[in-house]
Amino acid sequence: MSLYELEIGWAETANERRHLDWELLACEEVLGVFRASRENALFVLFAGGRWDFQEWASMVSPRAAA
């Protein structure tokens, strides 16, 4: 398990923040979420490896799919 920084600057609207919340809650590999010193980032305690986190993080952002 490792601690990774998740960029959340894309979550500007209420719907995007709800989407982010659901993604964090639904992922079994997310074991904890902590505020980062930067306003547009979170620290995520993630059970998977670095590549798994990067893949998951890219799918979380609805703008990444666009």
PDB file of N, CA and C in Angstrom:
ATOM      1  N   MET A   1       0.850  -1.168   0.000  1.00  0.00           N
ATOM      2  CA  MET A   1       0.000   0.000   0.000  1.00  0.00           C
ATOM      3  C   MET A   1       0.891   1.225   0.000  1.00  0.00           C
ATOM      4  N   SER A   2       0.449   2.250  -0.733  1.00  0.00           N
ATOM      5  CA  SER A   2       1.238   3.461  -0.890  1.00  0.00           C
ATOM      6  C   SER A   2       0.332   4.682  -0.859  1.00  0.00           C
ATOM      7  N   LEU A   3       0.961   5.825  -0.633  1.00  0.00           N
ATOM      8  CA  LEU A   3       0.251   7.093  -0.613  1.00  0.00           C
ATOM      9  C   LEU A   3       0.550   7.819  -1.925  1.00  0.00           C
ATOM     10  N   TYR A   4      -0.507   8.198  -2.650  1.00  0.00           N
ATOM     11  CA  TYR A   4      -0.364   8.878  -3.931  1.00  0.00           C
ATOM     12  C   TYR A   4      -1.137  10.188  -3.895  1.00  0.00           C
ATOM     13  N   GLU A   5      -0.712  11.130  -4.725  1.00  0.00           N
ATOM     14  CA  GLU A   5      -1.422  12.399  -4.841  1.00  0.00           C
ATOM     15  C   GLU A   5      -2.368  12.329  -6.037  1.00  0.00           C
ATOM     16  N   LEU A   6      -3.619  12.684  -5.802  1.00  0.00           N
ATOM     17  CA  LEU A   6      -4.638  12.677  -6.850  1.00  0.00           C
ATOM     18  C   LEU A   6      -5.012  14.109  -7.189  1.00  0.00           C
ATOM     19  N   GLU A   7      -4.820  14.473  -8.439  1.00  0.00           N
ATOM     20  CA  GLU A   7      -5.186  15.808  -8.926  1.00  0.00           C
ATOM     21  C   GLU A   7      -6.701  15.880  -9.062  1.00  0.00           C
ATOM     22  N   ILE A   8      -7.330  16.865  -8.394  1.00  0.00           N
ATOM     23  CA  ILE A   8      -8.795  16.983  -8.438  1.00  0.00           C
ATOM     24  C   ILE A   8      -9.245  18.354  -8.942  1.00  0.00           C
ATOM     25  N   GLY A   9      -8.359  19.075  -9.593  1.00  0.00           N
ATOM     26  CA  GLY A   9      -8.711  20.392 -10.121  1.00  0.00           C
ATOM     27  C   GLY A   9      -9.858  20.350 -11.115  1.00  0.00           C
ATOM     28  N   TRP A  10     -10.072  19.208 -11.738  1.00  0.00           N
ATOM     29  CA  TRP A  10     -11.158  19.052 -12.705  1.00  0.00           C
ATOM     30  C   TRP A  10     -12.533  19.056 -12.034  1.00  0.00           C
ATOM     31  N   ALA A  11     -12.606  18.751 -10.730  1.00  0.00           N
ATOM     32  CA  ALA A  11     -13.893  18.634 -10.022  1.00  0.00           C
ATOM     33  C   ALA A  11     -14.364  20.018  -9.568  1.00  0.00           C
ATOM     34  N   GLU A  12     -14.882  20.792 -10.499  1.00  0.00           N
ATOM     35  CA  GLU A  12     -15.294  22.166 -10.207  1.00  0.00           C
ATOM     36  C   GLU A  12     -16.772  22.277  -9.881  1.00  0.00           C
ATOM     37  N   THR A  13     -17.604  21.483 -10.514  1.00  0.00           N
ATOM     38  CA  THR A  13     -19.053  21.571 -10.287  1.00  0.00           C
ATOM     39  C   THR A  13     -19.474  20.595  -9.193  1.00  0.00           C
ATOM     40  N   ALA A  14     -20.684  20.778  -8.695  1.00  0.00           N
ATOM     41  CA  ALA A  14     -21.223  19.878  -7.677  1.00  0.00           C
ATOM     42  C   ALA A  14     -21.328  18.449  -8.208  1.00  0.00           C
ATOM     43  N   ASN A  15     -21.744  18.293  -9.460  1.00  0.00           N
ATOM     44  CA  ASN A  15     -21.849  16.954 -10.055  1.00  0.00           C
ATOM     45  C   ASN A  15     -20.483  16.281 -10.155  1.00  0.00           C
ATOM     46  N   GLU A  16     -19.465  17.047 -10.536  1.00  0.00           N
ATOM     47  CA  GLU A  16     -18.116  16.478 -10.629  1.00  0.00           C
ATOM     48  C   GLU A  16     -17.579  16.096  -9.258  1.00  0.00           C
ATOM     49  N   ARG A  17     -17.877  16.882  -8.228  1.00  0.00           N
ATOM     50  CA  ARG A  17     -17.441  16.536  -6.868  1.00  0.00           C
ATOM     51  C   ARG A  17     -18.164  15.281  -6.368  1.00  0.00           C
ATOM     52  N   ARG A  18     -19.456  15.161  -6.695  1.00  0.00           N
ATOM     53  CA  ARG A  18     -20.194  13.946  -6.317  1.00  0.00           C
ATOM     54  C   ARG A  18     -19.619  12.730  -7.036  1.00  0.00           C
ATOM     55  N   HIS A  19     -19.304  12.898  -8.315  1.00  0.00           N
ATOM     56  CA  HIS A  19     -18.686  11.818  -9.085  1.00  0.00           C
ATOM     57  C   HIS A  19     -17.372  11.386  -8.426  1.00  0.00           C
ATOM     58  N   LEU A  20     -16.553  12.342  -8.047  1.00  0.00           N
ATOM     59  CA  LEU A  20     -15.286  12.048  -7.372  1.00  0.00           C
ATOM     60  C   LEU A  20     -15.527  11.299  -6.059  1.00  0.00           C
ATOM     61  N   ASP A  21     -16.463  11.772  -5.259  1.00  0.00           N
ATOM     62  CA  ASP A  21     -16.781  11.105  -3.990  1.00  0.00           C
ATOM     63  C   ASP A  21     -17.187   9.652  -4.210  1.00  0.00           C
ATOM     64  N   TRP A  22     -18.063   9.412  -5.190  1.00  0.00           N
ATOM     65  CA  TRP A  22     -18.510   8.048  -5.476  1.00  0.00           C
ATOM     66  C   TRP A  22     -17.363   7.163  -5.952  1.00  0.00           C
ATOM     67  N   GLU A  23     -16.502   7.706  -6.791  1.00  0.00           N
ATOM     68  CA  GLU A  23     -15.355   6.928  -7.272  1.00  0.00           C
ATOM     69  C   GLU A  23     -14.426   6.551  -6.119  1.00  0.00           C
ATOM     70  N   LEU A  24     -14.200   7.474  -5.211  1.00  0.00           N
ATOM     71  CA  LEU A  24     -13.339   7.190  -4.059  1.00  0.00           C
ATOM     72  C   LEU A  24     -13.966   6.131  -3.152  1.00  0.00           C
ATOM     73  N   LEU A  25     -15.276   6.216  -2.959  1.00  0.00           N
ATOM     74  CA  LEU A  25     -15.965   5.240  -2.111  1.00  0.00           C
ATOM     75  C   LEU A  25     -16.081   3.870  -2.771  1.00  0.00           C
ATOM     76  N   ALA A  26     -16.231   3.840  -4.079  1.00  0.00           N
ATOM     77  CA  ALA A  26     -16.476   2.581  -4.786  1.00  0.00           C
ATOM     78  C   ALA A  26     -15.211   1.747  -5.019  1.00  0.00           C
ATOM     79  N   CYS A  27     -14.067   2.374  -5.004  1.00  0.00           N
ATOM     80  CA  CYS A  27     -12.827   1.652  -5.309  1.00  0.00           C
ATOM     81  C   CYS A  27     -12.334   0.893  -4.076  1.00  0.00           C
ATOM     82  N   GLU A  28     -12.249  -0.413  -4.196  1.00  0.00           N
ATOM     83  CA  GLU A  28     -11.813  -1.242  -3.067  1.00  0.00           C
ATOM     84  C   GLU A  28     -10.352  -1.028  -2.712  1.00  0.00           C
ATOM     85  N   GLU A  29      -9.549  -0.537  -3.660  1.00  0.00           N
ATOM     86  CA  GLU A  29      -8.136  -0.293  -3.390  1.00  0.00           C
ATOM     87  C   GLU A  29      -7.887   1.009  -2.640  1.00  0.00           C
ATOM     88  N   VAL A  30      -8.880   1.909  -2.605  1.00  0.00           N
ATOM     89  CA  VAL A  30      -8.737   3.164  -1.860  1.00  0.00           C
ATOM     90  C   VAL A  30      -9.021   2.863  -0.388  1.00  0.00           C
ATOM     91  N   LEU A  31      -7.980   2.996   0.423  1.00  0.00           N
ATOM     92  CA  LEU A  31      -8.101   2.676   1.842  1.00  0.00           C
ATOM     93  C   LEU A  31      -8.239   3.915   2.713  1.00  0.00           C
ATOM     94  N   GLY A  32      -7.905   5.066   2.176  1.00  0.00           N
ATOM     95  CA  GLY A  32      -8.025   6.315   2.912  1.00  0.00           C
ATOM     96  C   GLY A  32      -7.797   7.493   1.987  1.00  0.00           C
ATOM     97  N   VAL A  33      -8.370   8.633   2.368  1.00  0.00           N
ATOM     98  CA  VAL A  33      -8.222   9.865   1.591  1.00  0.00           C
ATOM     99  C   VAL A  33      -7.932  10.994   2.573  1.00  0.00           C
ATOM    100  N   PHE A  34      -6.915  11.799   2.237  1.00  0.00           N
ATOM    101  CA  PHE A  34      -6.487  12.880   3.108  1.00  0.00           C
ATOM    102  C   PHE A  34      -6.324  14.156   2.301  1.00  0.00           C
ATOM    103  N   ARG A  35      -6.588  15.281   2.917  1.00  0.00           N
ATOM    104  CA  ARG A  35      -6.398  16.568   2.246  1.00  0.00           C
ATOM    105  C   ARG A  35      -4.921  16.820   2.043  1.00  0.00           C
ATOM    106  N   ALA A  36      -4.584  17.321   0.897  1.00  0.00           N
ATOM    107  CA  ALA A  36      -3.209  17.730   0.593  1.00  0.00           C
ATOM    108  C   ALA A  36      -3.076  19.218   0.896  1.00  0.00           C
ATOM    109  N   SER A  37      -1.855  19.698   0.946  1.00  0.00           N
ATOM    110  CA  SER A  37      -1.649  21.121   1.204  1.00  0.00           C
ATOM    111  C   SER A  37      -2.141  21.966   0.032  1.00  0.00           C
ATOM    112  N   ARG A  38      -2.124  21.387  -1.170  1.00  0.00           N
ATOM    113  CA  ARG A  38      -2.671  22.087  -2.335  1.00  0.00           C
ATOM    114  C   ARG A  38      -4.186  21.917  -2.360  1.00  0.00           C
ATOM    115  N   GLU A  39      -4.876  22.965  -2.729  1.00  0.00           N
ATOM    116  CA  GLU A  39      -6.340  22.952  -2.753  1.00  0.00           C
ATOM    117  C   GLU A  39      -6.907  21.982  -3.772  1.00  0.00           C
ATOM    118  N   ASN A  40      -6.207  21.771  -4.872  1.00  0.00           N
ATOM    119  CA  ASN A  40      -6.734  20.943  -5.957  1.00  0.00           C
ATOM    120  C   ASN A  40      -6.106  19.546  -5.994  1.00  0.00           C
ATOM    121  N   ALA A  41      -5.802  19.000  -4.802  1.00  0.00           N
ATOM    122  CA  ALA A  41      -5.217  17.661  -4.736  1.00  0.00           C
ATOM    123  C   ALA A  41      -5.637  16.966  -3.441  1.00  0.00           C
ATOM    124  N   LEU A  42      -5.670  15.642  -3.508  1.00  0.00           N
ATOM    125  CA  LEU A  42      -5.910  14.796  -2.334  1.00  0.00           C
ATOM    126  C   LEU A  42      -4.801  13.762  -2.271  1.00  0.00           C
ATOM    127  N   PHE A  43      -4.492  13.313  -1.059  1.00  0.00           N
ATOM    128  CA  PHE A  43      -3.611  12.166  -0.905  1.00  0.00           C
ATOM    129  C   PHE A  43      -4.495  10.938  -0.754  1.00  0.00           C
ATOM    130  N   VAL A  44      -4.169   9.894  -1.483  1.00  0.00           N
ATOM    131  CA  VAL A  44      -4.970   8.672  -1.476  1.00  0.00           C
ATOM    132  C   VAL A  44      -4.087   7.506  -1.033  1.00  0.00           C
ATOM    133  N   LEU A  45      -4.509   6.822   0.024  1.00  0.00           N
ATOM    134  CA  LEU A  45      -3.848   5.599   0.464  1.00  0.00           C
ATOM    135  C   LEU A  45      -4.416   4.480  -0.390  1.00  0.00           C
ATOM    136  N   PHE A  46      -3.566   3.909  -1.236  1.00  0.00           N
ATOM    137  CA  PHE A  46      -4.019   2.998  -2.281  1.00  0.00           C
ATOM    138  C   PHE A  46      -3.354   1.645  -2.116  1.00  0.00           C
ATOM    139  N   ALA A  47      -4.148   0.580  -2.150  1.00  0.00           N
ATOM    140  CA  ALA A  47      -3.643  -0.780  -1.930  1.00  0.00           C
ATOM    141  C   ALA A  47      -2.921  -1.346  -3.142  1.00  0.00           C
ATOM    142  N   GLY A  48      -3.216  -0.871  -4.329  1.00  0.00           N
ATOM    143  CA  GLY A  48      -2.592  -1.380  -5.543  1.00  0.00           C
ATOM    144  C   GLY A  48      -1.251  -0.720  -5.798  1.00  0.00           C
ATOM    145  N   GLY A  49      -0.629  -1.100  -6.892  1.00  0.00           N
ATOM    146  CA  GLY A  49       0.653  -0.542  -7.276  1.00  0.00           C
ATOM    147  C   GLY A  49       0.519   0.803  -7.964  1.00  0.00           C
ATOM    148  N   ARG A  50       1.656   1.369  -8.306  1.00  0.00           N
ATOM    149  CA  ARG A  50       1.692   2.692  -8.907  1.00  0.00           C
ATOM    150  C   ARG A  50       0.949   2.736 -10.246  1.00  0.00           C
ATOM    151  N   TRP A  51       1.148   1.719 -11.082  1.00  0.00           N
ATOM    152  CA  TRP A  51       0.477   1.699 -12.393  1.00  0.00           C
ATOM    153  C   TRP A  51      -1.027   1.511 -12.223  1.00  0.00           C
ATOM    154  N   ASP A  52      -1.423   0.702 -11.240  1.00  0.00           N
ATOM    155  CA  ASP A  52      -2.856   0.523 -10.966  1.00  0.00           C
ATOM    156  C   ASP A  52      -3.477   1.853 -10.534  1.00  0.00           C
ATOM    157  N   PHE A  53      -2.763   2.601  -9.689  1.00  0.00           N
ATOM    158  CA  PHE A  53      -3.281   3.894  -9.245  1.00  0.00           C
ATOM    159  C   PHE A  53      -3.404   4.853 -10.427  1.00  0.00           C
ATOM    160  N   GLN A  54      -2.386   4.917 -11.252  1.00  0.00           N
ATOM    161  CA  GLN A  54      -2.425   5.826 -12.395  1.00  0.00           C
ATOM    162  C   GLN A  54      -3.564   5.481 -13.350  1.00  0.00           C
ATOM    163  N   GLU A  55      -3.788   4.202 -13.568  1.00  0.00           N
ATOM    164  CA  GLU A  55      -4.890   3.773 -14.429  1.00  0.00           C
ATOM    165  C   GLU A  55      -6.232   4.156 -13.812  1.00  0.00           C
ATOM    166  N   TRP A  56      -6.388   3.877 -12.516  1.00  0.00           N
ATOM    167  CA  TRP A  56      -7.625   4.227 -11.828  1.00  0.00           C
ATOM    168  C   TRP A  56      -7.847   5.740 -11.838  1.00  0.00           C
ATOM    169  N   ALA A  57      -6.812   6.504 -11.534  1.00  0.00           N
ATOM    170  CA  ALA A  57      -6.928   7.969 -11.481  1.00  0.00           C
ATOM    171  C   ALA A  57      -7.321   8.540 -12.835  1.00  0.00           C
ATOM    172  N   SER A  58      -6.821   7.950 -13.908  1.00  0.00           N
ATOM    173  CA  SER A  58      -7.180   8.450 -15.239  1.00  0.00           C
ATOM    174  C   SER A  58      -8.637   8.146 -15.571  1.00  0.00           C
ATOM    175  N   MET A  59      -9.185   7.087 -14.986  1.00  0.00           N
ATOM    176  CA  MET A  59     -10.594   6.752 -15.236  1.00  0.00           C
ATOM    177  C   MET A  59     -11.546   7.555 -14.343  1.00  0.00           C
ATOM    178  N   VAL A  60     -11.048   8.080 -13.227  1.00  0.00           N
ATOM    179  CA  VAL A  60     -11.890   8.832 -12.299  1.00  0.00           C
ATOM    180  C   VAL A  60     -12.345  10.149 -12.917  1.00  0.00           C
ATOM    181  N   SER A  61     -11.454  10.819 -13.614  1.00  0.00           N
ATOM    182  CA  SER A  61     -11.761  12.106 -14.183  1.00  0.00           C
ATOM    183  C   SER A  61     -12.670  11.947 -15.398  1.00  0.00           C
ATOM    184  N   PRO A  62     -13.869  12.532 -15.358  1.00  0.00           N
ATOM    185  CA  PRO A  62     -14.752  12.441 -16.533  1.00  0.00           C
ATOM    186  C   PRO A  62     -14.159  13.166 -17.731  1.00  0.00           C
ATOM    187  N   ARG A  63     -13.286  14.108 -17.500  1.00  0.00           N
ATOM    188  CA  ARG A  63     -12.647  14.844 -18.594  1.00  0.00           C
ATOM    189  C   ARG A  63     -11.562  14.020 -19.263  1.00  0.00           C
ATOM    190  N   ALA A  64     -10.999  13.039 -18.558  1.00  0.00           N
ATOM    191  CA  ALA A  64      -9.979  12.187 -19.158  1.00  0.00           C
ATOM    192  C   ALA A  64     -10.585  11.314 -20.248  1.00  0.00           C
ATOM    193  N   ALA A  65     -11.857  10.956 -20.078  1.00  0.00           N
ATOM    194  CA  ALA A  65     -12.539  10.107 -21.054  1.00  0.00           C
ATOM    195  C   ALA A  65     -12.983  10.906 -22.277  1.00  0.00           C
ATOM    196  N   ALA A  66     -13.082  12.204 -22.128  1.00  0.00           N
ATOM    197  CA  ALA A  66     -13.589  13.045 -23.226  1.00  0.00           C
ATOM    198  C   ALA A  66     -12.532  13.282 -24.285  1.00  0.00           C
TER     199      ALA A  66
END
